[in-house]
Amino acid sequence: MRKNVVLAMLLVMILATMLFAVSCAKKVVETTPAPAPAPAAPSTPAPDRTGDAAAQEARMREERLRAEEAARMQAARNKFVNENILFEFDSAALLPESQRVLIEKAAYMRANSDIRVTIEGHCDERGTDAYNLALGERRAEAAKNFLVNLGISAARISTISYGEERPIDPAHNEAAWSKNRRAQFVVG
């Protein structure tokens, strides 16, 4: 009897499981199929943004380098024009500092073989007009000869003397006079 009870229980459990499985089954819902999507027009490939970005970055880098080079060239030109050669009172002898400046000017002229230069000789206000014109000429010629000895063509350099006519500093003291005793470079 015990065997029958166990079998009956097993049978009840199987039936309950089957009923549960059948009652939870999904119902099949018939639907009409969705219309097929229209064939897509052939699309052009999307532009390669990474290539565009790299090309733009390269252009920007090149422009920046060109701008830096132009600024460097302008700074070198300004230094060439604005750095004067100074002289002692009543002298056309080149000081060691003036020689250093002239060596830099020669390097600039070698790098820029198309420029021509006028060296202006200037003096302070002491002395006669005639004396100062002659002294200014000797100062300009001293600078020119130094450049020629460094390999710069004499045909690219002209000289002129202004004597005391064009002072940088119009004051009447030693500080002003030391600035006015100079050879000045004009690119032209």
N, C-alpha and C. Protein backbone atom coordinates (compact mmCIF):
# COMPACT_ATOMS: atom_id res chain seq x y z
N MET A 1 0.79 -1.14 0.00
CA MET A 1 0.00 0.00 0.00
C MET A 1 0.87 1.26 0.00
N ARG A 2 1.81 1.12 0.65
CA ARG A 2 2.73 2.23 0.69
C ARG A 2 3.24 2.53 -0.70
N LYS A 3 3.44 1.58 -1.47
CA LYS A 3 3.92 1.74 -2.82
C LYS A 3 2.88 2.47 -3.65
N ASN A 4 1.65 2.19 -3.43
CA ASN A 4 0.58 2.83 -4.18
C ASN A 4 0.47 4.31 -3.83
N VAL A 5 0.67 4.61 -2.59
CA VAL A 5 0.58 6.00 -2.16
C VAL A 5 1.72 6.81 -2.78
N VAL A 6 2.87 6.22 -2.80
CA VAL A 6 4.03 6.92 -3.37
C VAL A 6 3.79 7.12 -4.86
N LEU A 7 3.27 6.11 -5.55
CA LEU A 7 3.00 6.23 -6.98
C LEU A 7 1.92 7.27 -7.23
N ALA A 8 0.94 7.31 -6.39
CA ALA A 8 -0.14 8.27 -6.57
C ALA A 8 0.40 9.69 -6.37
N MET A 9 1.25 9.83 -5.43
CA MET A 9 1.82 11.16 -5.17
C MET A 9 2.71 11.59 -6.33
N LEU A 10 3.43 10.65 -6.84
CA LEU A 10 4.30 10.96 -7.96
C LEU A 10 3.48 11.35 -9.18
N LEU A 11 2.41 10.63 -9.38
CA LEU A 11 1.53 10.92 -10.50
C LEU A 11 0.89 12.30 -10.35
N VAL A 12 0.48 12.64 -9.17
CA VAL A 12 -0.12 13.95 -8.91
C VAL A 12 0.91 15.05 -9.19
N MET A 13 2.09 14.82 -8.80
CA MET A 13 3.14 15.84 -9.00
C MET A 13 3.44 16.01 -10.48
N ILE A 14 3.47 14.96 -11.22
CA ILE A 14 3.75 15.05 -12.66
C ILE A 14 2.61 15.79 -13.34
N LEU A 15 1.36 15.46 -12.95
CA LEU A 15 0.22 16.14 -13.56
C LEU A 15 0.24 17.64 -13.22
N ALA A 16 0.58 17.97 -12.01
CA ALA A 16 0.62 19.38 -11.61
C ALA A 16 1.69 20.14 -12.38
N THR A 17 2.80 19.50 -12.60
CA THR A 17 3.88 20.13 -13.36
C THR A 17 3.45 20.32 -14.80
N MET A 18 2.78 19.37 -15.36
CA MET A 18 2.34 19.48 -16.75
C MET A 18 1.30 20.58 -16.90
N LEU A 19 0.39 20.63 -15.95
CA LEU A 19 -0.63 21.68 -16.00
C LEU A 19 0.02 23.06 -15.90
N PHE A 20 0.95 23.16 -15.02
CA PHE A 20 1.64 24.44 -14.85
C PHE A 20 2.39 24.82 -16.11
N ALA A 21 3.07 23.88 -16.77
CA ALA A 21 3.83 24.15 -17.98
C ALA A 21 2.90 24.54 -19.12
N VAL A 22 1.76 23.93 -19.22
CA VAL A 22 0.83 24.22 -20.31
C VAL A 22 0.16 25.56 -20.07
N SER A 23 -0.17 25.87 -18.87
CA SER A 23 -0.85 27.13 -18.60
C SER A 23 0.06 28.33 -18.77
N CYS A 24 1.36 28.19 -18.66
CA CYS A 24 2.30 29.31 -18.78
C CYS A 24 2.87 29.45 -20.17
N ALA A 25 2.47 28.63 -21.09
CA ALA A 25 3.04 28.72 -22.43
C ALA A 25 2.61 30.02 -23.10
N LYS A 26 3.49 30.55 -23.88
CA LYS A 26 3.18 31.79 -24.58
C LYS A 26 2.26 31.49 -25.73
N LYS A 27 1.38 32.42 -25.95
CA LYS A 27 0.48 32.29 -27.06
C LYS A 27 1.16 32.84 -28.29
N VAL A 28 0.95 32.19 -29.41
CA VAL A 28 1.51 32.66 -30.66
C VAL A 28 0.53 33.67 -31.24
N VAL A 29 1.01 34.86 -31.48
CA VAL A 29 0.18 35.92 -32.03
C VAL A 29 0.58 36.08 -33.48
N GLU A 30 -0.42 35.96 -34.29
CA GLU A 30 -0.12 36.13 -35.71
C GLU A 30 -0.15 37.60 -36.04
N THR A 31 0.91 38.05 -36.70
CA THR A 31 0.99 39.45 -37.14
C THR A 31 1.35 39.47 -38.60
N THR A 32 1.00 40.52 -39.21
CA THR A 32 1.39 40.66 -40.61
C THR A 32 2.83 41.11 -40.64
N PRO A 33 3.58 40.59 -41.57
CA PRO A 33 4.99 40.98 -41.60
C PRO A 33 5.13 42.47 -41.94
N ALA A 34 6.12 43.07 -41.33
CA ALA A 34 6.40 44.49 -41.58
C ALA A 34 6.91 44.66 -42.99
N PRO A 35 6.54 45.77 -43.60
CA PRO A 35 7.03 45.97 -44.97
C PRO A 35 8.55 46.04 -44.96
N ALA A 36 9.12 45.52 -46.01
CA ALA A 36 10.58 45.53 -46.12
C ALA A 36 11.04 46.96 -46.31
N PRO A 37 12.14 47.33 -45.67
CA PRO A 37 12.62 48.71 -45.83
C PRO A 37 13.04 48.95 -47.27
N ALA A 38 12.82 50.18 -47.70
CA ALA A 38 13.20 50.55 -49.07
C ALA A 38 14.71 50.44 -49.18
N PRO A 39 15.17 50.04 -50.34
CA PRO A 39 16.63 49.92 -50.48
C PRO A 39 17.28 51.30 -50.29
N ALA A 40 18.30 51.32 -49.52
CA ALA A 40 18.99 52.59 -49.22
C ALA A 40 19.77 53.05 -50.44
N ALA A 41 19.74 54.37 -50.63
CA ALA A 41 20.51 54.93 -51.74
C ALA A 41 21.98 54.71 -51.44
N PRO A 42 22.75 54.47 -52.49
CA PRO A 42 24.18 54.27 -52.21
C PRO A 42 24.74 55.51 -51.52
N SER A 43 25.32 55.31 -50.39
CA SER A 43 25.84 56.45 -49.63
C SER A 43 27.32 56.63 -49.92
N THR A 44 27.71 57.91 -49.90
CA THR A 44 29.13 58.20 -50.07
C THR A 44 29.78 57.93 -48.72
N PRO A 45 30.97 57.44 -48.75
CA PRO A 45 31.60 57.15 -47.46
C PRO A 45 31.78 58.44 -46.67
N ALA A 46 31.61 58.36 -45.39
CA ALA A 46 31.79 59.52 -44.52
C ALA A 46 33.23 60.00 -44.63
N PRO A 47 33.40 61.32 -44.66
CA PRO A 47 34.77 61.82 -44.77
C PRO A 47 35.60 61.37 -43.57
N ASP A 48 36.84 61.12 -43.85
CA ASP A 48 37.77 60.67 -42.82
C ASP A 48 38.16 61.87 -41.96
N ARG A 49 37.46 62.02 -40.85
CA ARG A 49 37.70 63.18 -39.98
C ARG A 49 39.10 63.16 -39.38
N THR A 50 39.62 62.00 -39.15
CA THR A 50 40.96 61.95 -38.58
C THR A 50 41.98 62.45 -39.59
N GLY A 51 41.77 62.14 -40.87
CA GLY A 51 42.67 62.64 -41.91
C GLY A 51 42.56 64.14 -42.07
N ASP A 52 41.29 64.65 -42.04
CA ASP A 52 41.08 66.09 -42.13
C ASP A 52 41.72 66.81 -40.95
N ALA A 53 41.52 66.26 -39.77
CA ALA A 53 42.08 66.88 -38.57
C ALA A 53 43.61 66.88 -38.64
N ALA A 54 44.17 65.78 -39.10
CA ALA A 54 45.64 65.71 -39.20
C ALA A 54 46.15 66.70 -40.24
N ALA A 55 45.43 66.83 -41.36
CA ALA A 55 45.86 67.78 -42.39
C ALA A 55 45.75 69.21 -41.88
N GLN A 56 44.67 69.49 -41.17
CA GLN A 56 44.49 70.84 -40.63
C GLN A 56 45.57 71.13 -39.58
N GLU A 57 45.86 70.15 -38.76
CA GLU A 57 46.91 70.33 -37.75
C GLU A 57 48.26 70.57 -38.42
N ALA A 58 48.53 69.85 -39.50
CA ALA A 58 49.79 70.04 -40.22
C ALA A 58 49.85 71.44 -40.82
N ARG A 59 48.72 71.90 -41.39
CA ARG A 59 48.69 73.27 -41.94
C ARG A 59 48.92 74.31 -40.85
N MET A 60 48.27 74.11 -39.71
CA MET A 60 48.43 75.06 -38.61
C MET A 60 49.86 75.06 -38.10
N ARG A 61 50.47 73.88 -38.01
CA ARG A 61 51.86 73.79 -37.57
C ARG A 61 52.77 74.52 -38.55
N GLU A 62 52.52 74.31 -39.84
CA GLU A 62 53.33 74.96 -40.87
C GLU A 62 53.17 76.48 -40.82
N GLU A 63 51.94 76.95 -40.62
CA GLU A 63 51.70 78.39 -40.51
C GLU A 63 52.40 78.96 -39.28
N ARG A 64 52.33 78.22 -38.17
CA ARG A 64 52.98 78.68 -36.95
C ARG A 64 54.50 78.77 -37.14
N LEU A 65 55.07 77.74 -37.80
CA LEU A 65 56.52 77.75 -38.06
C LEU A 65 56.89 78.92 -38.97
N ARG A 66 56.04 79.17 -39.99
CA ARG A 66 56.31 80.30 -40.88
C ARG A 66 56.24 81.62 -40.13
N ALA A 67 55.25 81.76 -39.25
CA ALA A 67 55.12 82.98 -38.46
C ALA A 67 56.30 83.15 -37.51
N GLU A 68 56.73 82.05 -36.89
CA GLU A 68 57.89 82.13 -35.99
C GLU A 68 59.15 82.52 -36.77
N GLU A 69 59.31 81.94 -37.95
CA GLU A 69 60.47 82.27 -38.78
C GLU A 69 60.43 83.74 -39.21
N ALA A 70 59.26 84.23 -39.58
CA ALA A 70 59.13 85.63 -39.96
C ALA A 70 59.44 86.54 -38.77
N ALA A 71 58.97 86.16 -37.59
CA ALA A 71 59.26 86.95 -36.38
C ALA A 71 60.75 86.94 -36.07
N ARG A 72 61.38 85.76 -36.25
CA ARG A 72 62.82 85.65 -36.00
C ARG A 72 63.60 86.52 -36.99
N MET A 73 63.17 86.49 -38.25
CA MET A 73 63.84 87.30 -39.27
C MET A 73 63.67 88.79 -38.98
N GLN A 74 62.45 89.19 -38.55
CA GLN A 74 62.21 90.59 -38.24
C GLN A 74 63.03 91.03 -37.03
N ALA A 75 63.13 90.17 -36.03
CA ALA A 75 63.92 90.49 -34.84
C ALA A 75 65.40 90.64 -35.22
N ALA A 76 65.89 89.75 -36.09
CA ALA A 76 67.29 89.84 -36.53
C ALA A 76 67.52 91.13 -37.31
N ARG A 77 66.58 91.49 -38.17
CA ARG A 77 66.70 92.73 -38.94
C ARG A 77 66.68 93.95 -38.00
N ASN A 78 65.76 93.93 -37.03
CA ASN A 78 65.70 95.05 -36.08
C ASN A 78 66.99 95.18 -35.30
N LYS A 79 67.54 94.05 -34.88
CA LYS A 79 68.80 94.09 -34.14
C LYS A 79 69.91 94.64 -35.03
N PHE A 80 69.93 94.20 -36.29
CA PHE A 80 70.95 94.67 -37.23
C PHE A 80 70.88 96.18 -37.38
N VAL A 81 69.69 96.69 -37.55
CA VAL A 81 69.51 98.12 -37.80
C VAL A 81 69.68 98.94 -36.52
N ASN A 82 69.21 98.44 -35.40
CA ASN A 82 69.17 99.24 -34.18
C ASN A 82 70.41 99.17 -33.30
N GLU A 83 71.31 98.24 -33.56
CA GLU A 83 72.51 98.13 -32.73
C GLU A 83 73.63 98.94 -33.37
N ASN A 84 73.98 100.02 -32.74
CA ASN A 84 74.99 100.93 -33.27
C ASN A 84 76.39 100.55 -32.81
N ILE A 85 77.37 101.02 -33.56
CA ILE A 85 78.78 100.87 -33.19
C ILE A 85 79.19 102.16 -32.50
N LEU A 86 79.71 102.05 -31.29
CA LEU A 86 80.08 103.24 -30.52
C LEU A 86 81.59 103.46 -30.56
N PHE A 87 81.99 104.73 -30.41
CA PHE A 87 83.39 105.12 -30.48
C PHE A 87 83.76 105.98 -29.29
N GLU A 88 85.05 105.99 -28.99
CA GLU A 88 85.59 106.88 -27.96
C GLU A 88 85.64 108.31 -28.51
N PHE A 89 85.82 109.26 -27.63
CA PHE A 89 85.93 110.66 -28.02
C PHE A 89 87.11 110.86 -28.98
N ASP A 90 86.87 111.56 -30.06
CA ASP A 90 87.89 111.95 -31.03
C ASP A 90 88.63 110.73 -31.61
N SER A 91 87.89 109.63 -31.86
CA SER A 91 88.52 108.41 -32.33
C SER A 91 87.63 107.69 -33.34
N ALA A 92 88.28 107.03 -34.28
CA ALA A 92 87.57 106.18 -35.24
C ALA A 92 88.01 104.73 -35.06
N ALA A 93 88.74 104.43 -33.98
CA ALA A 93 89.19 103.06 -33.71
C ALA A 93 88.02 102.23 -33.18
N LEU A 94 87.94 101.01 -33.66
CA LEU A 94 86.86 100.12 -33.24
C LEU A 94 87.17 99.50 -31.88
N LEU A 95 86.25 99.64 -30.96
CA LEU A 95 86.38 99.04 -29.64
C LEU A 95 86.08 97.54 -29.74
N PRO A 96 86.57 96.73 -28.79
CA PRO A 96 86.28 95.28 -28.83
C PRO A 96 84.78 94.97 -28.90
N GLU A 97 83.98 95.71 -28.15
CA GLU A 97 82.52 95.50 -28.20
C GLU A 97 81.98 95.84 -29.59
N SER A 98 82.51 96.87 -30.20
CA SER A 98 82.08 97.25 -31.56
C SER A 98 82.47 96.17 -32.56
N GLN A 99 83.62 95.56 -32.38
CA GLN A 99 84.05 94.48 -33.26
C GLN A 99 83.12 93.28 -33.13
N ARG A 100 82.70 92.97 -31.90
CA ARG A 100 81.77 91.87 -31.68
C ARG A 100 80.45 92.14 -32.41
N VAL A 101 79.97 93.36 -32.31
CA VAL A 101 78.72 93.73 -32.98
C VAL A 101 78.89 93.63 -34.50
N LEU A 102 80.03 94.06 -35.01
CA LEU A 102 80.26 94.00 -36.45
C LEU A 102 80.36 92.55 -36.94
N ILE A 103 80.89 91.66 -36.13
CA ILE A 103 80.93 90.25 -36.50
C ILE A 103 79.51 89.70 -36.63
N GLU A 104 78.62 90.08 -35.72
CA GLU A 104 77.22 89.66 -35.80
C GLU A 104 76.54 90.27 -37.04
N LYS A 105 76.87 91.52 -37.33
CA LYS A 105 76.29 92.17 -38.51
C LYS A 105 76.78 91.49 -39.79
N ALA A 106 78.03 91.07 -39.81
CA ALA A 106 78.57 90.37 -40.98
C ALA A 106 77.83 89.04 -41.17
N ALA A 107 77.55 88.34 -40.08
CA ALA A 107 76.81 87.07 -40.17
C ALA A 107 75.41 87.32 -40.73
N TYR A 108 74.78 88.39 -40.29
CA TYR A 108 73.45 88.72 -40.81
C TYR A 108 73.53 89.04 -42.31
N MET A 109 74.54 89.77 -42.71
CA MET A 109 74.67 90.13 -44.12
C MET A 109 74.97 88.90 -44.97
N ARG A 110 75.73 87.95 -44.44
CA ARG A 110 75.98 86.70 -45.18
C ARG A 110 74.68 85.91 -45.37
N ALA A 111 73.87 85.89 -44.33
CA ALA A 111 72.60 85.15 -44.39
C ALA A 111 71.57 85.85 -45.27
N ASN A 112 71.75 87.14 -45.50
CA ASN A 112 70.81 87.93 -46.30
C ASN A 112 71.59 88.63 -47.41
N SER A 113 72.01 87.85 -48.37
CA SER A 113 72.92 88.36 -49.41
C SER A 113 72.28 89.39 -50.33
N ASP A 114 71.00 89.61 -50.24
CA ASP A 114 70.34 90.56 -51.12
C ASP A 114 70.29 91.99 -50.54
N ILE A 115 70.67 92.16 -49.28
CA ILE A 115 70.58 93.51 -48.70
C ILE A 115 71.83 94.34 -48.98
N ARG A 116 71.59 95.63 -49.09
CA ARG A 116 72.66 96.61 -49.20
C ARG A 116 72.55 97.51 -47.97
N VAL A 117 73.68 98.00 -47.52
CA VAL A 117 73.72 98.75 -46.27
C VAL A 117 74.42 100.08 -46.48
N THR A 118 73.89 101.10 -45.82
CA THR A 118 74.58 102.38 -45.72
C THR A 118 75.01 102.55 -44.27
N ILE A 119 76.29 102.80 -44.08
CA ILE A 119 76.80 103.04 -42.73
C ILE A 119 76.93 104.54 -42.56
N GLU A 120 76.23 105.06 -41.57
CA GLU A 120 76.25 106.49 -41.29
C GLU A 120 77.24 106.76 -40.15
N GLY A 121 78.16 107.68 -40.38
CA GLY A 121 79.09 108.08 -39.32
C GLY A 121 78.57 109.32 -38.61
N HIS A 122 78.57 109.27 -37.27
CA HIS A 122 78.04 110.38 -36.46
C HIS A 122 79.06 110.77 -35.39
N CYS A 123 78.95 112.01 -34.92
CA CYS A 123 79.85 112.54 -33.89
C CYS A 123 79.03 113.26 -32.84
N ASP A 124 79.68 113.58 -31.72
CA ASP A 124 79.01 114.44 -30.75
C ASP A 124 79.19 115.89 -31.19
N GLU A 125 78.64 116.80 -30.45
CA GLU A 125 78.59 118.20 -30.88
C GLU A 125 79.90 118.96 -30.68
N ARG A 126 80.87 118.35 -30.04
CA ARG A 126 82.13 119.06 -29.79
C ARG A 126 82.99 119.02 -31.05
N GLY A 127 83.65 120.07 -31.36
CA GLY A 127 84.48 120.16 -32.57
C GLY A 127 83.77 120.96 -33.65
N THR A 128 84.54 121.31 -34.67
CA THR A 128 83.96 122.11 -35.76
C THR A 128 83.14 121.20 -36.67
N ASP A 129 82.30 121.82 -37.47
CA ASP A 129 81.48 121.06 -38.41
C ASP A 129 82.35 120.25 -39.36
N ALA A 130 83.37 120.89 -39.92
CA ALA A 130 84.24 120.22 -40.88
C ALA A 130 84.98 119.05 -40.22
N TYR A 131 85.48 119.27 -39.01
CA TYR A 131 86.19 118.21 -38.30
C TYR A 131 85.26 117.03 -38.03
N ASN A 132 84.04 117.31 -37.58
CA ASN A 132 83.10 116.24 -37.24
C ASN A 132 82.63 115.48 -38.49
N LEU A 133 82.49 116.17 -39.62
CA LEU A 133 82.14 115.46 -40.85
C LEU A 133 83.25 114.50 -41.25
N ALA A 134 84.50 114.95 -41.13
CA ALA A 134 85.63 114.09 -41.48
C ALA A 134 85.73 112.91 -40.50
N LEU A 135 85.54 113.17 -39.21
CA LEU A 135 85.60 112.11 -38.20
C LEU A 135 84.45 111.10 -38.41
N GLY A 136 83.26 111.58 -38.72
CA GLY A 136 82.13 110.70 -39.00
C GLY A 136 82.42 109.80 -40.20
N GLU A 137 83.08 110.36 -41.23
CA GLU A 137 83.44 109.56 -42.41
C GLU A 137 84.45 108.48 -42.03
N ARG A 138 85.45 108.83 -41.22
CA ARG A 138 86.44 107.83 -40.79
C ARG A 138 85.78 106.72 -39.97
N ARG A 139 84.82 107.05 -39.15
CA ARG A 139 84.12 106.04 -38.35
C ARG A 139 83.31 105.10 -39.25
N ALA A 140 82.59 105.64 -40.21
CA ALA A 140 81.82 104.80 -41.13
C ALA A 140 82.75 103.91 -41.95
N GLU A 141 83.87 104.46 -42.41
CA GLU A 141 84.83 103.69 -43.19
C GLU A 141 85.48 102.59 -42.35
N ALA A 142 85.74 102.86 -41.08
CA ALA A 142 86.33 101.85 -40.20
C ALA A 142 85.38 100.65 -40.07
N ALA A 143 84.10 100.93 -39.90
CA ALA A 143 83.11 99.85 -39.81
C ALA A 143 83.03 99.10 -41.14
N LYS A 144 83.02 99.82 -42.25
CA LYS A 144 82.94 99.19 -43.56
C LYS A 144 84.16 98.30 -43.79
N ASN A 145 85.36 98.80 -43.52
CA ASN A 145 86.58 98.02 -43.74
C ASN A 145 86.59 96.75 -42.90
N PHE A 146 86.08 96.83 -41.68
CA PHE A 146 86.02 95.65 -40.83
C PHE A 146 85.10 94.60 -41.46
N LEU A 147 83.95 95.03 -41.96
CA LEU A 147 83.02 94.10 -42.61
C LEU A 147 83.62 93.50 -43.88
N VAL A 148 84.31 94.32 -44.65
CA VAL A 148 84.95 93.83 -45.88
C VAL A 148 86.01 92.79 -45.53
N ASN A 149 86.76 93.03 -44.46
CA ASN A 149 87.77 92.05 -44.02
C ASN A 149 87.13 90.75 -43.54
N LEU A 150 85.85 90.81 -43.16
CA LEU A 150 85.13 89.60 -42.76
C LEU A 150 84.48 88.90 -43.96
N GLY A 151 84.69 89.43 -45.15
CA GLY A 151 84.19 88.76 -46.36
C GLY A 151 82.94 89.35 -46.98
N ILE A 152 82.48 90.47 -46.48
CA ILE A 152 81.30 91.12 -47.06
C ILE A 152 81.77 91.99 -48.23
N SER A 153 81.09 91.89 -49.35
CA SER A 153 81.46 92.65 -50.55
C SER A 153 81.34 94.14 -50.31
N ALA A 154 82.37 94.87 -50.69
CA ALA A 154 82.37 96.33 -50.53
C ALA A 154 81.28 96.97 -51.38
N ALA A 155 80.87 96.31 -52.45
CA ALA A 155 79.82 96.84 -53.32
C ALA A 155 78.47 96.89 -52.60
N ARG A 156 78.32 96.13 -51.54
CA ARG A 156 77.05 96.11 -50.80
C ARG A 156 77.01 97.15 -49.69
N ILE A 157 78.11 97.88 -49.50
CA ILE A 157 78.19 98.81 -48.37
C ILE A 157 78.55 100.19 -48.88
N SER A 158 77.76 101.18 -48.49
CA SER A 158 78.11 102.57 -48.78
C SER A 158 78.25 103.30 -47.45
N THR A 159 78.93 104.43 -47.46
CA THR A 159 79.12 105.19 -46.23
C THR A 159 78.71 106.64 -46.46
N ILE A 160 78.34 107.29 -45.38
CA ILE A 160 78.03 108.71 -45.40
C ILE A 160 78.32 109.25 -44.01
N SER A 161 78.70 110.51 -43.93
CA SER A 161 78.95 111.13 -42.64
C SER A 161 77.93 112.24 -42.41
N TYR A 162 77.37 112.25 -41.22
CA TYR A 162 76.47 113.33 -40.82
C TYR A 162 77.10 114.21 -39.75
N GLY A 163 78.33 113.88 -39.35
CA GLY A 163 78.99 114.68 -38.33
C GLY A 163 78.13 114.77 -37.08
N GLU A 164 77.88 115.99 -36.67
CA GLU A 164 77.08 116.21 -35.46
C GLU A 164 75.62 116.56 -35.78
N GLU A 165 75.23 116.48 -37.05
CA GLU A 165 73.91 116.94 -37.49
C GLU A 165 72.73 116.12 -36.97
N ARG A 166 72.89 114.85 -36.69
CA ARG A 166 71.77 113.98 -36.30
C ARG A 166 72.05 113.26 -34.98
N PRO A 167 72.02 113.96 -33.89
CA PRO A 167 72.28 113.29 -32.61
C PRO A 167 71.10 112.39 -32.20
N ILE A 168 71.42 111.29 -31.54
CA ILE A 168 70.37 110.44 -30.96
C ILE A 168 69.84 111.08 -29.69
N ASP A 169 70.76 111.63 -28.91
CA ASP A 169 70.41 112.28 -27.64
C ASP A 169 70.83 113.74 -27.72
N PRO A 170 69.88 114.68 -27.69
CA PRO A 170 70.23 116.09 -27.85
C PRO A 170 70.80 116.76 -26.59
N ALA A 171 70.92 116.05 -25.50
CA ALA A 171 71.45 116.64 -24.26
C ALA A 171 72.91 117.05 -24.46
N HIS A 172 73.40 117.88 -23.57
CA HIS A 172 74.77 118.41 -23.66
C HIS A 172 75.58 117.90 -22.47
N ASN A 173 75.76 116.57 -22.43
CA ASN A 173 76.55 115.96 -21.35
C ASN A 173 77.23 114.70 -21.88
N GLU A 174 78.11 114.14 -21.08
CA GLU A 174 78.90 112.99 -21.53
C GLU A 174 78.04 111.79 -21.89
N ALA A 175 76.97 111.55 -21.14
CA ALA A 175 76.10 110.40 -21.44
C ALA A 175 75.49 110.55 -22.84
N ALA A 176 75.04 111.74 -23.18
CA ALA A 176 74.47 111.98 -24.51
C ALA A 176 75.56 111.92 -25.57
N TRP A 177 76.70 112.51 -25.32
CA TRP A 177 77.78 112.53 -26.31
C TRP A 177 78.26 111.11 -26.63
N SER A 178 78.31 110.23 -25.60
CA SER A 178 78.78 108.85 -25.85
C SER A 178 77.80 108.09 -26.75
N LYS A 179 76.51 108.41 -26.68
CA LYS A 179 75.53 107.78 -27.58
C LYS A 179 75.65 108.33 -29.00
N ASN A 180 76.01 109.59 -29.11
CA ASN A 180 76.06 110.25 -30.42
C ASN A 180 77.32 109.89 -31.22
N ARG A 181 78.37 109.42 -30.57
CA ARG A 181 79.59 109.00 -31.26
C ARG A 181 79.39 107.58 -31.77
N ARG A 182 78.88 107.44 -33.00
CA ARG A 182 78.44 106.12 -33.44
C ARG A 182 78.54 105.96 -34.95
N ALA A 183 78.47 104.71 -35.35
CA ALA A 183 78.22 104.34 -36.75
C ALA A 183 76.88 103.63 -36.72
N GLN A 184 75.97 104.08 -37.55
CA GLN A 184 74.61 103.57 -37.57
C GLN A 184 74.36 102.90 -38.92
N PHE A 185 73.62 101.79 -38.90
CA PHE A 185 73.38 101.00 -40.13
C PHE A 185 71.95 101.21 -40.62
N VAL A 186 71.85 101.45 -41.93
CA VAL A 186 70.55 101.63 -42.57
C VAL A 186 70.49 100.63 -43.74
N VAL A 187 69.46 99.80 -43.72
CA VAL A 187 69.28 98.84 -44.81
C VAL A 187 68.51 99.53 -45.92
N GLY A 188 69.03 99.39 -47.12
CA GLY A 188 68.30 100.05 -48.22
C GLY A 188 68.78 99.66 -49.57
